[in-house]
Protein backbone atom coordinates (compact mmCIF):
# COMPACT_ATOMS: atom_id res chain seq x y z
CA MET A 1 52.95 42.05 54.41
CA LYS A 2 51.79 45.28 56.03
CA PRO A 3 52.42 48.30 53.81
CA SER A 4 54.94 50.88 54.95
CA GLN A 5 53.12 54.01 56.08
CA ALA A 6 56.08 56.15 54.86
CA SER A 7 55.90 54.87 51.36
CA SER A 8 53.37 56.32 48.94
CA GLY A 9 51.26 53.76 47.14
CA VAL A 10 50.40 52.50 43.71
CA VAL A 11 47.09 52.94 41.82
CA PHE A 12 46.12 50.50 39.08
CA TRP A 13 43.70 51.86 36.49
CA PHE A 14 41.63 49.21 34.75
CA ARG A 15 40.90 50.26 31.17
CA ASN A 16 40.12 47.69 28.39
CA ASP A 17 41.73 44.89 30.47
CA LEU A 18 38.95 43.89 32.83
CA ARG A 19 40.46 40.61 33.90
CA LEU A 20 42.81 38.97 36.42
CA HIS A 21 44.32 36.44 33.97
CA ASP A 22 47.08 37.40 31.53
CA ASN A 23 47.22 41.01 32.69
CA PRO A 24 50.92 42.14 32.64
CA ALA A 25 49.99 45.69 33.62
CA LEU A 26 48.24 44.50 36.80
CA GLN A 27 51.15 42.17 37.53
CA GLN A 28 53.56 45.10 37.16
CA ALA A 29 51.51 47.19 39.60
CA ILE A 30 51.51 44.32 42.10
CA ALA A 31 55.27 43.89 41.77
CA LEU A 32 55.84 47.62 42.37
CA ALA A 33 53.72 47.59 45.48
CA VAL A 34 55.45 44.56 46.85
CA GLN A 35 58.89 45.93 46.05
CA ARG A 36 58.11 49.24 47.74
CA ARG A 37 56.25 47.59 50.62
CA THR A 38 53.26 49.74 50.02
CA TRP A 39 49.55 49.49 49.14
CA LEU A 40 47.81 49.00 45.80
CA LEU A 41 44.42 50.43 44.92
CA PRO A 42 42.56 49.12 41.80
CA VAL A 43 40.41 51.76 40.11
CA TYR A 44 37.91 51.95 37.27
CA VAL A 45 36.78 55.31 35.86
CA HIS A 46 33.39 55.66 34.22
CA ASP A 47 34.27 58.31 31.61
CA ASN A 48 31.36 60.78 31.38
CA ALA A 49 32.47 61.95 27.95
CA LEU A 50 31.53 58.56 26.55
CA GLN A 51 27.87 59.26 27.37
CA LEU A 52 27.69 62.64 25.59
CA THR A 53 26.32 63.31 22.17
CA SER A 54 28.77 62.57 19.34
CA PRO A 55 29.51 65.12 16.58
CA TRP A 56 27.13 63.05 14.39
CA GLY A 57 24.13 63.78 16.62
CA PHE A 58 23.61 60.61 18.62
CA VAL A 59 24.84 59.38 21.99
CA ARG A 60 28.41 58.11 21.88
CA THR A 61 27.76 54.96 23.93
CA SER A 62 24.44 53.17 23.93
CA ASP A 63 22.77 51.72 26.99
CA HIS A 64 23.43 48.18 25.90
CA ARG A 65 27.13 48.85 25.44
CA LEU A 66 27.22 50.47 28.92
CA ALA A 67 25.46 47.37 30.30
CA TRP A 68 27.94 44.99 28.67
CA THR A 69 30.92 46.89 30.12
CA ALA A 70 29.27 47.14 33.54
CA MET A 71 29.02 43.30 33.68
CA ALA A 72 32.77 43.03 33.10
CA VAL A 73 33.52 45.67 35.75
CA GLN A 74 31.26 43.91 38.25
CA ASP A 75 32.95 40.59 37.67
CA VAL A 76 36.39 42.00 38.26
CA ALA A 77 35.13 43.83 41.39
CA GLN A 78 33.78 40.54 42.83
CA GLN A 79 37.01 38.70 42.15
CA LEU A 80 39.07 41.42 43.81
CA LEU A 81 36.87 41.27 46.88
CA ALA A 82 37.50 37.57 47.12
CA LEU A 83 41.24 38.35 47.16
CA GLY A 84 40.89 40.83 50.00
CA SER A 85 41.07 43.89 47.81
CA GLN A 86 38.38 46.06 46.21
CA LEU A 87 37.68 48.03 43.04
CA LEU A 88 37.12 51.75 43.53
CA GLN A 89 34.71 52.98 40.86
CA LEU A 90 34.87 56.68 39.97
CA SER A 91 32.95 58.81 37.50
CA GLY A 92 34.09 61.89 35.60
CA GLU A 93 36.86 63.02 33.32
CA PRO A 94 39.71 60.54 33.73
CA ILE A 95 42.56 63.01 33.99
CA GLU A 96 40.79 65.11 36.63
CA VAL A 97 39.48 62.18 38.61
CA LEU A 98 42.79 60.26 38.68
CA ARG A 99 44.85 63.37 39.45
CA ALA A 100 42.63 64.21 42.39
CA LEU A 101 42.74 60.61 43.63
CA MET A 102 46.54 60.40 43.41
CA THR A 103 46.89 63.70 45.26
CA GLN A 104 44.47 62.70 48.00
CA LEU A 105 46.23 59.38 48.59
CA ASN A 106 49.76 60.62 48.06
CA ALA A 107 50.17 57.84 45.52
CA SER A 108 53.51 57.71 43.72
CA THR A 109 52.68 55.71 40.59
CA LEU A 110 49.74 54.98 38.28
CA VAL A 111 49.94 51.78 36.25
CA CYS A 112 47.59 50.98 33.42
CA GLU A 113 47.21 49.38 29.99
CA ASP A 114 48.69 51.23 26.99
CA ILE A 115 46.06 51.93 24.30
CA ALA A 116 47.47 53.39 21.04
CA ALA A 117 44.42 55.44 20.03
CA PRO A 118 44.36 59.25 20.13
CA TYR A 119 41.59 59.70 22.72
CA GLU A 120 43.09 57.15 25.11
CA GLN A 121 46.65 58.41 24.51
CA ALA A 122 45.57 61.91 25.40
CA HIS A 123 44.61 60.73 28.89
CA ILE A 124 48.09 59.32 29.47
CA GLN A 125 49.76 62.47 28.18
CA GLY A 126 47.52 64.68 30.28
CA LEU A 127 48.29 62.72 33.44
CA LYS A 128 52.01 62.96 32.76
CA LYS A 129 51.73 66.70 32.23
CA CYS A 130 50.25 66.87 35.75
CA GLY A 131 53.58 65.55 37.00
CA LEU A 132 52.30 62.02 37.70
CA ASP A 133 54.44 58.91 37.27
CA VAL A 134 52.40 56.90 34.75
CA GLN A 135 53.53 53.47 33.61
CA ALA A 136 51.49 52.31 30.59
CA VAL A 137 52.01 48.68 29.61
CA TRP A 138 51.41 47.31 26.11
CA GLN A 139 49.52 44.04 26.41
CA SER A 140 46.60 43.62 24.01
CA THR A 141 48.41 41.89 21.09
CA LEU A 142 49.32 38.22 20.63
CA MET A 143 53.00 39.10 20.45
CA ALA A 144 54.87 41.62 22.60
CA PRO A 145 56.64 44.42 20.70
CA ASP A 146 60.04 42.85 21.13
CA GLN A 147 58.84 39.58 19.62
CA LEU A 148 57.94 41.12 16.24
CA PRO A 149 60.36 40.55 13.36
CA PHE A 150 60.45 44.36 12.82
CA ALA A 151 60.19 47.43 14.99
CA PRO A 152 56.54 48.23 15.84
CA HIS A 153 56.68 51.56 13.97
CA ASP A 154 57.99 49.76 10.88
CA VAL A 155 55.01 47.38 10.62
CA PRO A 156 53.99 46.72 6.99
CA ASP A 157 50.91 48.68 6.07
CA THR A 158 49.19 45.83 4.25
CA PHE A 159 47.94 42.86 6.21
CA SER A 160 49.22 40.29 3.68
CA SER A 161 52.77 41.67 3.96
CA PHE A 162 52.50 41.78 7.75
CA ARG A 163 51.26 38.18 7.96
CA ARG A 164 53.95 36.84 5.57
CA GLU A 165 56.64 38.56 7.55
CA VAL A 166 55.38 37.25 10.86
CA GLU A 167 54.86 33.71 9.58
CA ARG A 168 58.33 33.66 8.01
CA HIS A 169 59.65 33.48 11.57
CA PRO A 170 58.57 31.10 14.27
CA PHE A 171 55.06 32.30 15.22
CA THR A 172 55.41 32.38 18.98
CA PRO A 173 52.93 34.64 20.77
CA ALA A 174 53.84 35.52 24.34
CA LYS A 175 52.51 32.95 26.83
CA PRO A 176 49.61 34.19 28.94
CA VAL A 177 50.67 35.55 32.33
CA PRO A 178 49.18 33.44 35.14
CA ARG A 179 46.02 34.64 36.88
CA VAL A 180 46.52 36.96 39.86
CA GLN A 181 46.22 34.88 43.05
CA ALA A 182 46.91 37.51 45.71
CA MET A 183 46.65 41.28 45.96
CA PRO A 184 48.70 43.69 48.05
CA ALA A 185 47.00 45.51 50.91
CA LEU A 186 44.69 48.44 50.27
CA PRO A 187 45.42 51.92 51.65
CA GLU A 188 44.84 52.36 55.35
CA GLN A 189 41.22 52.25 56.50
CA ALA A 190 40.92 56.03 57.07
CA SER A 191 41.87 56.65 53.46
CA ILE A 192 39.41 54.07 52.21
CA GLU A 193 36.64 55.69 54.19
CA ALA A 194 37.46 59.13 52.86
CA LEU A 195 37.37 57.69 49.28
CA ALA A 196 33.88 56.29 49.86
CA ALA A 197 32.48 59.76 49.17
CA LEU A 198 34.14 59.71 45.78
CA SER A 199 33.07 56.27 44.70
CA VAL A 200 30.07 55.80 42.45
CA VAL A 201 27.60 53.07 41.79
CA PRO A 202 27.14 53.31 38.03
CA SER A 203 23.62 53.31 36.66
CA THR A 204 22.66 49.79 35.82
CA CYS A 205 21.39 48.99 32.28
CA ALA A 206 19.82 45.62 31.84
CA PRO A 207 21.21 43.41 29.06
CA LEU A 208 19.02 43.26 26.02
CA SER A 209 17.03 40.09 25.96
CA ASP A 210 16.07 39.04 22.48
CA PRO A 211 15.72 35.32 21.62
CA ARG A 212 16.83 36.02 18.06
CA SER A 213 20.28 37.31 19.08
CA ALA A 214 23.36 35.57 17.74
CA PHE A 215 25.03 36.57 20.99
CA PRO A 216 22.35 35.97 23.68
CA TRP A 217 24.07 37.90 26.45
CA SER A 218 21.09 37.97 28.75
CA GLN A 219 21.80 34.25 29.32
CA ALA A 220 24.20 33.48 32.17
CA GLU A 221 26.73 31.66 30.01
CA PHE A 222 27.07 34.79 27.79
CA HIS A 223 27.37 37.33 30.61
CA GLY A 224 30.06 39.95 30.20
CA GLY A 225 32.57 39.04 32.89
CA GLU A 226 35.92 37.30 32.78
CA ARG A 227 34.64 34.09 34.39
CA SER A 228 31.97 33.67 31.72
CA ALA A 229 34.56 34.42 29.00
CA LEU A 230 36.89 31.69 30.23
CA ALA A 231 34.03 29.19 30.60
CA HIS A 232 32.94 29.97 27.05
CA LEU A 233 36.46 29.35 25.77
CA VAL A 234 36.49 25.95 27.48
CA GLN A 235 33.11 24.87 26.09
CA TYR A 236 33.93 26.11 22.57
CA CYS A 237 37.01 23.90 22.44
CA SER A 238 35.53 20.93 24.32
CA ARG A 239 32.77 20.70 21.69
CA GLY A 240 35.29 20.55 18.83
CA LEU A 241 34.04 23.83 17.29
CA PRO A 242 37.53 25.11 16.29
CA HIS A 243 37.56 22.46 13.57
CA SER A 244 34.44 23.88 11.91
CA TYR A 245 35.28 27.55 12.28
CA LYS A 246 36.35 28.27 8.65
CA ALA A 247 33.33 26.56 7.21
CA THR A 248 30.80 28.38 9.41
CA ARG A 249 32.43 31.77 10.14
CA ASN A 250 30.31 33.60 7.58
CA GLY A 251 27.06 32.58 9.17
CA LEU A 252 24.45 35.20 10.00
CA TYR A 253 22.63 33.77 13.04
CA GLY A 254 23.05 31.26 15.82
CA SER A 255 25.64 31.18 18.60
CA ASP A 256 28.00 28.51 17.17
CA TYR A 257 28.90 29.77 13.71
CA SER A 258 31.89 31.79 15.01
CA THR A 259 34.02 31.87 18.16
CA LYS A 260 31.95 34.71 19.72
CA TRP A 261 35.10 35.90 21.55
CA SER A 262 34.91 39.48 20.35
CA PRO A 263 32.61 40.96 23.06
CA TRP A 264 34.90 39.66 25.77
CA LEU A 265 38.07 40.61 23.91
CA ALA A 266 36.68 44.15 23.53
CA THR A 267 36.46 44.82 27.27
CA GLY A 268 39.54 42.76 28.01
CA ALA A 269 37.58 40.16 29.96
CA LEU A 270 39.38 37.71 27.71
CA SER A 271 42.92 38.18 26.42
CA ALA A 272 43.95 37.27 22.86
CA ARG A 273 46.90 35.28 24.23
CA GLN A 274 44.65 33.21 26.46
CA ALA A 275 42.30 32.47 23.52
CA TRP A 276 45.19 31.47 21.29
CA ALA A 277 46.75 29.33 24.05
CA ALA A 278 43.42 27.41 24.22
CA ILE A 279 43.54 26.82 20.46
CA GLN A 280 47.14 25.63 20.67
CA ALA A 281 46.14 23.20 23.40
CA PHE A 282 43.17 22.05 21.28
CA GLU A 283 45.53 21.48 18.31
CA SER A 284 47.93 19.40 20.40
CA GLN A 285 45.02 17.09 21.35
CA GLN A 286 42.76 17.19 18.32
CA GLY A 287 45.14 18.14 15.56
CA ALA A 288 45.76 21.34 13.65
CA THR A 289 43.47 22.10 10.63
CA GLU A 290 42.88 24.91 8.22
CA SER A 291 40.11 26.06 10.55
CA THR A 292 42.37 26.34 13.60
CA TYR A 293 44.91 28.19 11.43
CA TRP A 294 42.14 30.54 10.36
CA ILE A 295 41.34 31.48 13.97
CA GLY A 296 44.98 32.49 14.37
CA PHE A 297 44.78 34.34 11.08
CA GLU A 298 41.85 36.45 12.41
CA LEU A 299 43.72 37.13 15.64
CA LEU A 300 46.72 38.32 13.58
CA TRP A 301 44.47 40.68 11.69
CA ARG A 302 43.31 42.03 15.04
CA ASP A 303 46.97 42.56 15.98
CA HIS A 304 47.67 44.34 12.69
CA PHE A 305 45.09 47.00 13.40
CA ARG A 306 46.77 47.66 16.76
CA TRP A 307 50.23 48.06 15.24
CA LEU A 308 48.81 50.37 12.55
CA HIS A 309 47.39 52.59 15.28
CA LEU A 310 50.81 52.65 16.99
CA LYS A 311 52.44 53.61 13.72
CA HIS A 312 49.92 56.11 12.24
CA GLY A 313 48.06 57.51 15.24
CA GLU A 314 45.60 60.31 14.40
CA ARG A 315 45.86 59.68 10.66
CA MET A 316 43.58 56.67 11.27
CA TYR A 317 40.85 59.14 12.23
CA ARG A 318 41.00 61.68 9.44
CA ARG A 319 38.59 61.70 6.60
CA ARG A 320 41.39 60.89 4.07
CA GLY A 321 42.68 58.18 6.40
CA LEU A 322 46.02 56.66 5.31
CA SER A 323 45.48 57.17 1.59
CA ASP A 324 46.99 59.92 -0.55
CA ALA A 325 44.35 59.39 -3.24
CA PRO A 326 41.94 62.36 -3.84
CA ILE A 327 38.87 62.34 -1.63
CA GLN A 328 35.81 61.55 -3.66
CA PRO A 329 33.06 64.15 -3.14
CA ARG A 330 30.32 62.94 -0.81
CA GLU A 331 26.85 64.21 -0.53
CA ASN A 332 25.61 65.48 2.79
CA ASN A 333 23.17 62.57 2.77
CA ALA A 334 21.74 63.00 6.29
CA ARG A 335 18.46 61.44 5.15
CA GLY A 336 20.22 58.39 3.73
CA PHE A 337 22.30 57.99 6.88
CA GLU A 338 19.14 58.11 9.07
CA ARG A 339 17.44 55.45 6.91
CA TRP A 340 20.57 53.28 7.22
CA ARG A 341 20.87 53.89 10.95
CA THR A 342 17.27 52.90 11.63
CA GLY A 343 17.14 49.95 9.22
CA GLN A 344 14.81 51.69 6.71
CA THR A 345 16.85 51.66 3.52
CA GLY A 346 14.51 49.38 1.60
CA HIS A 347 17.12 46.72 1.05
CA ALA A 348 16.01 43.71 3.13
CA LEU A 349 19.47 42.32 4.03
CA ILE A 350 20.83 45.73 5.09
CA ASP A 351 17.70 46.60 7.08
CA ALA A 352 17.74 43.23 8.83
CA GLY A 353 21.34 43.66 9.84
CA MET A 354 20.82 47.17 11.14
CA ARG A 355 17.73 46.11 13.14
CA GLU A 356 19.69 43.26 14.71
CA LEU A 357 22.51 45.63 15.57
CA ASN A 358 20.20 48.20 17.17
CA ALA A 359 18.21 45.57 19.06
CA THR A 360 21.04 43.50 20.45
CA GLY A 361 24.35 45.39 20.13
CA TYR A 362 25.68 42.64 17.97
CA THR A 363 25.65 41.36 14.40
CA SER A 364 27.89 38.98 12.42
CA ASN A 365 31.13 40.02 10.81
CA ARG A 366 29.70 39.23 7.35
CA LEU A 367 26.79 41.55 8.01
CA ARG A 368 29.04 44.32 9.37
CA GLN A 369 31.02 44.36 6.10
CA ASN A 370 27.83 44.62 4.13
CA LEU A 371 26.36 47.36 6.34
CA ALA A 372 29.55 49.46 6.07
CA SER A 373 29.87 48.93 2.33
CA TYR A 374 26.23 49.96 1.71
CA LEU A 375 26.57 53.19 3.71
CA ILE A 376 29.84 54.15 1.97
CA HIS A 377 29.33 53.00 -1.60
CA ASP A 378 25.52 52.84 -2.15
CA LEU A 379 24.41 55.76 -0.01
CA ARG A 380 27.76 57.67 -0.43
CA CYS A 381 27.85 58.80 3.18
CA ASP A 382 30.92 59.73 5.20
CA TRP A 383 32.53 56.54 6.54
CA ARG A 384 33.28 58.26 9.84
CA ALA A 385 29.54 58.60 10.61
CA GLY A 386 29.09 54.84 10.19
CA ALA A 387 32.18 54.16 12.37
CA ALA A 388 30.66 56.38 15.07
CA TRP A 389 27.33 54.53 14.94
CA PHE A 390 29.06 51.18 15.28
CA GLU A 391 31.03 52.62 18.25
CA SER A 392 27.80 53.62 19.86
CA GLN A 393 25.96 50.37 19.33
CA LEU A 394 28.35 47.42 19.35
CA ILE A 395 28.87 45.64 22.62
CA ASP A 396 32.16 44.35 21.08
CA PHE A 397 33.32 47.83 20.01
CA ASP A 398 37.07 47.80 19.79
CA VAL A 399 38.63 51.14 18.84
CA TYR A 400 41.43 49.49 16.78
CA ASN A 401 39.24 47.07 14.89
CA ASN A 402 36.41 49.49 14.25
CA GLN A 403 38.57 52.23 12.83
CA GLY A 404 40.72 49.85 10.87
CA ASN A 405 37.81 48.01 9.24
CA TRP A 406 35.90 51.18 8.28
CA LEU A 407 39.06 52.62 6.70
CA TYR A 408 39.67 49.31 4.91
CA LEU A 409 36.17 49.22 3.37
CA SER A 410 36.19 52.89 2.43
CA GLY A 411 39.43 52.59 0.51
CA ARG A 412 41.15 55.05 2.84
CA GLY A 413 43.09 52.35 4.71
CA THR A 414 45.77 49.92 3.68
CA ASP A 415 44.06 47.66 1.11
CA PRO A 416 46.15 47.92 -2.13
CA ARG A 417 43.05 47.14 -4.18
CA GLY A 418 41.28 50.30 -3.10
CA SER A 419 37.72 50.49 -1.80
CA ARG A 420 35.67 47.38 -1.26
CA ARG A 421 32.05 47.37 -2.34
CA PHE A 422 29.88 44.38 -1.47
CA ASN A 423 27.04 43.71 -3.84
CA PRO A 424 24.21 43.19 -1.37
CA ASP A 425 22.06 41.24 -3.83
CA LYS A 426 24.88 38.73 -4.49
CA GLN A 427 25.46 38.58 -0.73
CA VAL A 428 21.84 37.55 -0.24
CA LEU A 429 22.27 34.69 -2.71
CA ASP A 430 25.52 33.59 -1.07
CA TYR A 431 24.53 33.85 2.62
CA ASP A 432 20.77 34.08 2.97
CA ALA A 433 19.40 32.34 -0.08
CA ASP A 434 16.53 30.80 1.90
CA GLY A 435 15.64 34.16 3.43
CA ALA A 436 15.83 32.80 7.00
CA TYR A 437 17.89 35.69 8.35
CA ARG A 438 15.75 38.39 6.70
CA GLU A 439 12.60 36.71 7.95
CA LEU A 440 14.08 36.51 11.45
CA TRP A 441 14.67 40.29 11.68
CA LEU A 442 12.09 41.81 9.34
């Protein structure tokens, strides 16, 4: 249908939802454009602020994290082209860039994913203050807000209470929304040509190629786009790996010890609902086990951190976190932090984990807990500095999970047992008794 020239159009802003499958926000934008008989322009903004130096003295986003995100953006752009649309890539401060774009195009509505973290919320609030019609759609959890057995702002603070309450009712995550099969027309050709001067080709950073990596994302099957994510999901289930997940999930190296979904979930190249739907289909054919339950358990924990952000907002980012307990004095241990950051602490397991993280942008969940615990409890450094380093380095950085986990381990989160210290010597005996992991990275 040809768009009405009298009707102003719709802009869709891709954020952490770089996919065409199970994307309710994109579907809402399409429905609006069709209803109004107008055009739809997909946009991605490369936020310059994410490449500045953090308050802790290092760049906020590493080259390998930029490269991983760029792969997901490129994959979405190629898929949109195949549907007769295109992805306009812009660079700058999101509020300024999007306001200028909407004004130039006389666009009526901006649709995007809702992200309940302070930095991301500030963008939405700023755009609304400019007088723009912004529709932010919540879509990153297994269950929609109206499917929870409580109001989102009344979510229990402890995960165990949250899980019990959810499982007391039929656990029915929202079904994945079907993949987009057609896109509305773009703005008229003259407008597209005028926008060409605004578009950017982001600097390309090559994926890190290290044969030791537990997530070898230089290989085609581990590339960062949606199509690789969905292919990985299929092969993971077809090989029967969900049945071994619980037994192997604490592994330190290799590509099969865990689901390896997190890098794709982080950019939104894979949705949690799509992943869980695949496990449900697997269970219907191969049977449900404690392992398949445990995958759902981990996805629920991911959900919980999202609801906590929606409930507590900026408190998740303060030094005292969610706890009213007195803040223990911390040394200004800049030297200790630098040794930790560069993998030079002298503890072999910690140094191996940090060197893997810095070299590949990835390390196992078991190692991450140990690395965070060591910085907080052994070196007595500020947990926020460690959270910022993980944000910089991890290709699977997720603002909800990162903040929630660091709070949890520091004792400033929702764990009723207080802070969690991992004994790194015991962890060596439990998970690297033969020294294979340490030898691999040291």
